Each structure stands twice: as structure tokens, then as C-alpha cells.
PDB file of all heavy atoms in Angstrom:
ATOM      1  N   CYS A   1     144.449 263.252 176.048  1.00  0.00           N
ATOM      2  CA  CYS A   1     145.705 262.496 175.941  1.00  0.00           C
ATOM      3  C   CYS A   1     146.794 263.134 176.801  1.00  0.00           C
ATOM      4  O   CYS A   1     146.792 264.333 177.071  1.00  0.00           O
ATOM      5  CB  CYS A   1     146.150 262.374 174.484  1.00  0.00           C
ATOM      6  SG  CYS A   1     146.839 263.871 173.792  1.00  0.00           S
ATOM      7  N   LEU A   2     147.712 262.324 177.239  1.00  0.00           N
ATOM      8  CA  LEU A   2     148.793 262.753 178.122  1.00  0.00           C
ATOM      9  C   LEU A   2     149.639 263.859 177.484  1.00  0.00           C
ATOM     10  O   LEU A   2     149.997 264.833 178.143  1.00  0.00           O
ATOM     11  CB  LEU A   2     149.669 261.550 178.499  1.00  0.00           C
ATOM     12  CG  LEU A   2     150.886 261.865 179.372  1.00  0.00           C
ATOM     13  CD1 LEU A   2     150.441 262.415 180.723  1.00  0.00           C
ATOM     14  CD2 LEU A   2     151.739 260.621 179.546  1.00  0.00           C
ATOM     15  N   GLN A   3     149.950 263.700 176.188  1.00  0.00           N
ATOM     16  CA  GLN A   3     150.800 264.692 175.519  1.00  0.00           C
ATOM     17  C   GLN A   3     150.152 266.076 175.508  1.00  0.00           C
ATOM     18  O   GLN A   3     150.836 267.085 175.691  1.00  0.00           O
ATOM     19  CB  GLN A   3     151.107 264.261 174.078  1.00  0.00           C
ATOM     20  CG  GLN A   3     151.997 263.057 173.981  1.00  0.00           C
ATOM     21  CD  GLN A   3     151.206 261.750 173.937  1.00  0.00           C
ATOM     22  OE1 GLN A   3     150.075 261.664 174.412  1.00  0.00           O
ATOM     23  NE2 GLN A   3     151.806 260.720 173.373  1.00  0.00           N
ATOM     24  N   ALA A   4     148.836 266.135 175.295  1.00  0.00           N
ATOM     25  CA  ALA A   4     148.144 267.424 175.291  1.00  0.00           C
ATOM     26  C   ALA A   4     148.179 268.048 176.677  1.00  0.00           C
ATOM     27  O   ALA A   4     148.350 269.266 176.820  1.00  0.00           O
ATOM     28  CB  ALA A   4     146.712 267.260 174.819  1.00  0.00           C
ATOM     29  N   GLN A   5     148.045 267.232 177.707  1.00  0.00           N
ATOM     30  CA  GLN A   5     148.094 267.755 179.070  1.00  0.00           C
ATOM     31  C   GLN A   5     149.507 268.226 179.429  1.00  0.00           C
ATOM     32  O   GLN A   5     149.684 269.254 180.084  1.00  0.00           O
ATOM     33  CB  GLN A   5     147.588 266.698 180.042  1.00  0.00           C
ATOM     34  CG  GLN A   5     146.101 266.431 179.842  1.00  0.00           C
ATOM     35  CD  GLN A   5     145.594 265.273 180.676  1.00  0.00           C
ATOM     36  OE1 GLN A   5     146.219 264.862 181.639  1.00  0.00           O
ATOM     37  NE2 GLN A   5     144.439 264.751 180.301  1.00  0.00           N
ATOM     38  N   LEU A   6     150.501 267.488 178.984  1.00  0.00           N
ATOM     39  CA  LEU A   6     151.893 267.911 179.211  1.00  0.00           C
ATOM     40  C   LEU A   6     152.214 269.186 178.448  1.00  0.00           C
ATOM     41  O   LEU A   6     152.998 270.015 178.904  1.00  0.00           O
ATOM     42  CB  LEU A   6     152.861 266.796 178.818  1.00  0.00           C
ATOM     43  CG  LEU A   6     152.912 265.588 179.741  1.00  0.00           C
ATOM     44  CD1 LEU A   6     153.790 264.493 179.144  1.00  0.00           C
ATOM     45  CD2 LEU A   6     153.405 265.994 181.118  1.00  0.00           C
ATOM     46  N   TYR A   7     151.616 269.342 177.259  1.00  0.00           N
ATOM     47  CA  TYR A   7     151.840 270.544 176.455  1.00  0.00           C
ATOM     48  C   TYR A   7     151.425 271.798 177.225  1.00  0.00           C
ATOM     49  O   TYR A   7     152.054 272.845 177.102  1.00  0.00           O
ATOM     50  CB  TYR A   7     151.078 270.449 175.127  1.00  0.00           C
ATOM     51  CG  TYR A   7     151.316 271.634 174.222  1.00  0.00           C
ATOM     52  CD1 TYR A   7     152.438 271.677 173.421  1.00  0.00           C
ATOM     53  CD2 TYR A   7     150.429 272.697 174.187  1.00  0.00           C
ATOM     54  CE1 TYR A   7     152.677 272.760 172.597  1.00  0.00           C
ATOM     55  CE2 TYR A   7     150.653 273.790 173.368  1.00  0.00           C
ATOM     56  CZ  TYR A   7     151.780 273.818 172.572  1.00  0.00           C
ATOM     57  OH  TYR A   7     152.019 274.899 171.767  1.00  0.00           O
ATOM     58  N   ASN A   8     150.365 271.693 178.033  1.00  0.00           N
ATOM     59  CA  ASN A   8     149.915 272.835 178.825  1.00  0.00           C
ATOM     60  C   ASN A   8     150.976 273.283 179.831  1.00  0.00           C
ATOM     61  O   ASN A   8     151.050 274.466 180.166  1.00  0.00           O
ATOM     62  CB  ASN A   8     148.615 272.508 179.567  1.00  0.00           C
ATOM     63  CG  ASN A   8     147.445 272.425 178.620  1.00  0.00           C
ATOM     64  OD1 ASN A   8     147.382 273.115 177.622  1.00  0.00           O
ATOM     65  ND2 ASN A   8     146.504 271.548 178.942  1.00  0.00           N
ATOM     66  N   PHE A   9     151.786 272.353 180.327  1.00  0.00           N
ATOM     67  CA  PHE A   9     152.806 272.680 181.319  1.00  0.00           C
ATOM     68  C   PHE A   9     154.179 272.948 180.706  1.00  0.00           C
ATOM     69  O   PHE A   9     154.945 273.739 181.232  1.00  0.00           O
ATOM     70  CB  PHE A   9     152.921 271.548 182.356  1.00  0.00           C
ATOM     71  CG  PHE A   9     151.708 271.418 183.210  1.00  0.00           C
ATOM     72  CD1 PHE A   9     150.798 270.402 182.987  1.00  0.00           C
ATOM     73  CD2 PHE A   9     151.456 272.323 184.228  1.00  0.00           C
ATOM     74  CE1 PHE A   9     149.666 270.280 183.772  1.00  0.00           C
ATOM     75  CE2 PHE A   9     150.326 272.218 185.019  1.00  0.00           C
ATOM     76  CZ  PHE A   9     149.425 271.189 184.791  1.00  0.00           C
ATOM     77  N   PHE A  10     154.490 272.256 179.616  1.00  0.00           N
ATOM     78  CA  PHE A  10     155.813 272.357 179.003  1.00  0.00           C
ATOM     79  C   PHE A  10     155.691 272.613 177.494  1.00  0.00           C
ATOM     80  O   PHE A  10     156.124 271.778 176.688  1.00  0.00           O
ATOM     81  CB  PHE A  10     156.608 271.066 179.244  1.00  0.00           C
ATOM     82  CG  PHE A  10     156.616 270.617 180.677  1.00  0.00           C
ATOM     83  CD1 PHE A  10     155.876 269.505 181.057  1.00  0.00           C
ATOM     84  CD2 PHE A  10     157.344 271.299 181.632  1.00  0.00           C
ATOM     85  CE1 PHE A  10     155.876 269.074 182.382  1.00  0.00           C
ATOM     86  CE2 PHE A  10     157.348 270.873 182.955  1.00  0.00           C
ATOM     87  CZ  PHE A  10     156.608 269.760 183.337  1.00  0.00           C
ATOM     88  N   PRO A  11     155.118 273.735 177.086  1.00  0.00           N
ATOM     89  CA  PRO A  11     154.871 273.944 175.657  1.00  0.00           C
ATOM     90  C   PRO A  11     156.142 273.949 174.803  1.00  0.00           C
ATOM     91  O   PRO A  11     156.161 273.378 173.718  1.00  0.00           O
ATOM     92  CB  PRO A  11     154.159 275.296 175.599  1.00  0.00           C
ATOM     93  CG  PRO A  11     154.415 275.948 176.901  1.00  0.00           C
ATOM     94  CD  PRO A  11     154.676 274.859 177.896  1.00  0.00           C
ATOM     95  N   THR A  12     157.206 274.553 175.301  1.00  0.00           N
ATOM     96  CA  THR A  12     158.446 274.627 174.517  1.00  0.00           C
ATOM     97  C   THR A  12     159.034 273.241 174.297  1.00  0.00           C
ATOM     98  O   THR A  12     159.426 272.893 173.178  1.00  0.00           O
ATOM     99  CB  THR A  12     159.469 275.539 175.218  1.00  0.00           C
ATOM    100  OG1 THR A  12     158.854 276.799 175.493  1.00  0.00           O
ATOM    101  CG2 THR A  12     160.682 275.767 174.346  1.00  0.00           C
ATOM    102  N   ALA A  13     159.087 272.439 175.342  1.00  0.00           N
ATOM    103  CA  ALA A  13     159.640 271.087 175.218  1.00  0.00           C
ATOM    104  C   ALA A  13     158.751 270.207 174.349  1.00  0.00           C
ATOM    105  O   ALA A  13     159.239 269.418 173.532  1.00  0.00           O
ATOM    106  CB  ALA A  13     159.805 270.461 176.599  1.00  0.00           C
ATOM    107  N   MET A  14     157.442 270.350 174.502  1.00  0.00           N
ATOM    108  CA  MET A  14     156.508 269.501 173.757  1.00  0.00           C
ATOM    109  C   MET A  14     156.473 269.849 172.270  1.00  0.00           C
ATOM    110  O   MET A  14     156.058 269.021 171.463  1.00  0.00           O
ATOM    111  CB  MET A  14     155.111 269.586 174.350  1.00  0.00           C
ATOM    112  CG  MET A  14     154.988 268.978 175.744  1.00  0.00           C
ATOM    113  SD  MET A  14     155.492 267.262 175.836  1.00  0.00           S
ATOM    114  CE  MET A  14     154.184 266.465 174.925  1.00  0.00           C
ATOM    115  N   GLU A  15     156.911 271.042 171.902  1.00  0.00           N
ATOM    116  CA  GLU A  15     156.991 271.396 170.476  1.00  0.00           C
ATOM    117  C   GLU A  15     157.961 270.469 169.743  1.00  0.00           C
ATOM    118  O   GLU A  15     157.808 270.223 168.553  1.00  0.00           O
ATOM    119  CB  GLU A  15     157.444 272.855 170.309  1.00  0.00           C
ATOM    120  CG  GLU A  15     156.416 273.880 170.686  1.00  0.00           C
ATOM    121  CD  GLU A  15     155.241 273.956 169.724  1.00  0.00           C
ATOM    122  OE1 GLU A  15     155.411 273.649 168.531  1.00  0.00           O
ATOM    123  OE2 GLU A  15     154.153 274.315 170.185  1.00  0.00           O
ATOM    124  N   LEU A  16     158.946 269.960 170.457  1.00  0.00           N
ATOM    125  CA  LEU A  16     159.978 269.111 169.858  1.00  0.00           C
ATOM    126  C   LEU A  16     159.579 267.647 169.779  1.00  0.00           C
ATOM    127  O   LEU A  16     160.221 266.861 169.082  1.00  0.00           O
ATOM    128  CB  LEU A  16     161.277 269.239 170.661  1.00  0.00           C
ATOM    129  CG  LEU A  16     161.806 270.672 170.851  1.00  0.00           C
ATOM    130  CD1 LEU A  16     162.958 270.677 171.840  1.00  0.00           C
ATOM    131  CD2 LEU A  16     162.197 271.276 169.518  1.00  0.00           C
ATOM    132  N   ILE A  17     158.530 267.270 170.515  1.00  0.00           N
ATOM    133  CA  ILE A  17     158.136 265.863 170.611  1.00  0.00           C
ATOM    134  C   ILE A  17     156.895 265.615 169.747  1.00  0.00           C
ATOM    135  O   ILE A  17     155.919 266.352 169.827  1.00  0.00           O
ATOM    136  CB  ILE A  17     157.829 265.501 172.080  1.00  0.00           C
ATOM    137  CG1 ILE A  17     159.067 265.739 172.938  1.00  0.00           C
ATOM    138  CG2 ILE A  17     157.343 264.067 172.210  1.00  0.00           C
ATOM    139  CD1 ILE A  17     158.814 265.638 174.434  1.00  0.00           C
ATOM    140  N   PRO A  18     156.930 264.569 168.907  1.00  0.00           N
ATOM    141  CA  PRO A  18     155.731 264.264 168.117  1.00  0.00           C
ATOM    142  C   PRO A  18     154.639 263.649 169.002  1.00  0.00           C
ATOM    143  O   PRO A  18     154.915 263.146 170.084  1.00  0.00           O
ATOM    144  CB  PRO A  18     156.241 263.248 167.095  1.00  0.00           C
ATOM    145  CG  PRO A  18     157.430 262.619 167.736  1.00  0.00           C
ATOM    146  CD  PRO A  18     158.034 263.663 168.633  1.00  0.00           C
ATOM    147  N   GLY A  19     153.428 263.714 168.516  1.00  0.00           N
ATOM    148  CA  GLY A  19     152.325 263.106 169.251  1.00  0.00           C
ATOM    149  C   GLY A  19     150.994 263.723 168.877  1.00  0.00           C
ATOM    150  O   GLY A  19     150.921 264.628 168.032  1.00  0.00           O
ATOM    151  N   PRO A  20     149.925 263.270 169.513  1.00  0.00           N
ATOM    152  CA  PRO A  20     148.583 263.754 169.185  1.00  0.00           C
ATOM    153  C   PRO A  20     148.370 265.233 169.504  1.00  0.00           C
ATOM    154  O   PRO A  20     147.481 265.859 168.937  1.00  0.00           O
ATOM    155  CB  PRO A  20     147.651 262.871 170.017  1.00  0.00           C
ATOM    156  CG  PRO A  20     148.497 262.169 171.000  1.00  0.00           C
ATOM    157  CD  PRO A  20     149.900 262.215 170.511  1.00  0.00           C
ATOM    158  N   HIS A  21     149.188 265.798 170.382  1.00  0.00           N
ATOM    159  CA  HIS A  21     149.055 267.216 170.699  1.00  0.00           C
ATOM    160  C   HIS A  21     149.325 268.087 169.472  1.00  0.00           C
ATOM    161  O   HIS A  21     148.782 269.173 169.351  1.00  0.00           O
ATOM    162  CB  HIS A  21     149.960 267.608 171.867  1.00  0.00           C
ATOM    163  CG  HIS A  21     151.417 267.428 171.591  1.00  0.00           C
ATOM    164  ND1 HIS A  21     152.004 266.184 171.516  1.00  0.00           N
ATOM    165  CD2 HIS A  21     152.396 268.332 171.368  1.00  0.00           C
ATOM    166  CE1 HIS A  21     153.290 266.330 171.254  1.00  0.00           C
ATOM    167  NE2 HIS A  21     153.555 267.621 171.158  1.00  0.00           N
ATOM    168  N   LYS A  22     150.130 267.588 168.554  1.00  0.00           N
ATOM    169  CA  LYS A  22     150.404 268.330 167.310  1.00  0.00           C
ATOM    170  C   LYS A  22     149.128 268.455 166.467  1.00  0.00           C
ATOM    171  O   LYS A  22     148.858 269.492 165.883  1.00  0.00           O
ATOM    172  CB  LYS A  22     151.501 267.630 166.499  1.00  0.00           C
ATOM    173  CG  LYS A  22     152.832 267.548 167.177  1.00  0.00           C
ATOM    174  CD  LYS A  22     153.578 268.836 167.024  1.00  0.00           C
ATOM    175  CE  LYS A  22     154.990 268.641 167.542  1.00  0.00           C
ATOM    176  NZ  LYS A  22     155.849 269.745 167.206  1.00  0.00           N
ATOM    177  N   GLN A  23     148.349 267.368 166.407  1.00  0.00           N
ATOM    178  CA  GLN A  23     147.074 267.394 165.668  1.00  0.00           C
ATOM    179  C   GLN A  23     146.091 268.334 166.347  1.00  0.00           C
ATOM    180  O   GLN A  23     145.358 269.061 165.686  1.00  0.00           O
ATOM    181  CB  GLN A  23     146.483 265.987 165.565  1.00  0.00           C
ATOM    182  CG  GLN A  23     145.210 265.918 164.741  1.00  0.00           C
ATOM    183  CD  GLN A  23     145.431 266.312 163.281  1.00  0.00           C
ATOM    184  OE1 GLN A  23     146.406 265.919 162.664  1.00  0.00           O
ATOM    185  NE2 GLN A  23     144.521 267.106 162.744  1.00  0.00           N
ATOM    186  N   LEU A  24     146.091 268.347 167.657  1.00  0.00           N
ATOM    187  CA  LEU A  24     145.225 269.244 168.421  1.00  0.00           C
ATOM    188  C   LEU A  24     145.532 270.701 168.069  1.00  0.00           C
ATOM    189  O   LEU A  24     144.617 271.489 167.793  1.00  0.00           O
ATOM    190  CB  LEU A  24     145.414 268.996 169.922  1.00  0.00           C
ATOM    191  CG  LEU A  24     144.624 269.877 170.877  1.00  0.00           C
ATOM    192  CD1 LEU A  24     143.148 269.523 170.839  1.00  0.00           C
ATOM    193  CD2 LEU A  24     145.155 269.731 172.288  1.00  0.00           C
ATOM    194  N   ILE A  25     146.792 271.051 168.024  1.00  0.00           N
ATOM    195  CA  ILE A  25     147.207 272.419 167.692  1.00  0.00           C
ATOM    196  C   ILE A  25     146.818 272.756 166.255  1.00  0.00           C
ATOM    197  O   ILE A  25     146.310 273.846 165.971  1.00  0.00           O
ATOM    198  CB  ILE A  25     148.725 272.592 167.917  1.00  0.00           C
ATOM    199  CG1 ILE A  25     149.038 272.451 169.399  1.00  0.00           C
ATOM    200  CG2 ILE A  25     149.214 273.923 167.374  1.00  0.00           C
ATOM    201  CD1 ILE A  25     150.503 272.256 169.719  1.00  0.00           C
TER     202      ILE A  25
END
């Protein structure tokens, strides 16, 4: 998913945004 891929580049910013990357973590 896009959010998980973005999390790899912008982890601090993505911590604030909900999405499937949260479930991955």
C-alpha cells in the first residue's frame, strides 16, 4: 500500500496520518 511505502520515507509525518501502515506496524 502507498501509505506503507510513504512511511519508509517519512516515518515522523506518517505517524500522524491514519491508514493501513498503522496495522502493519
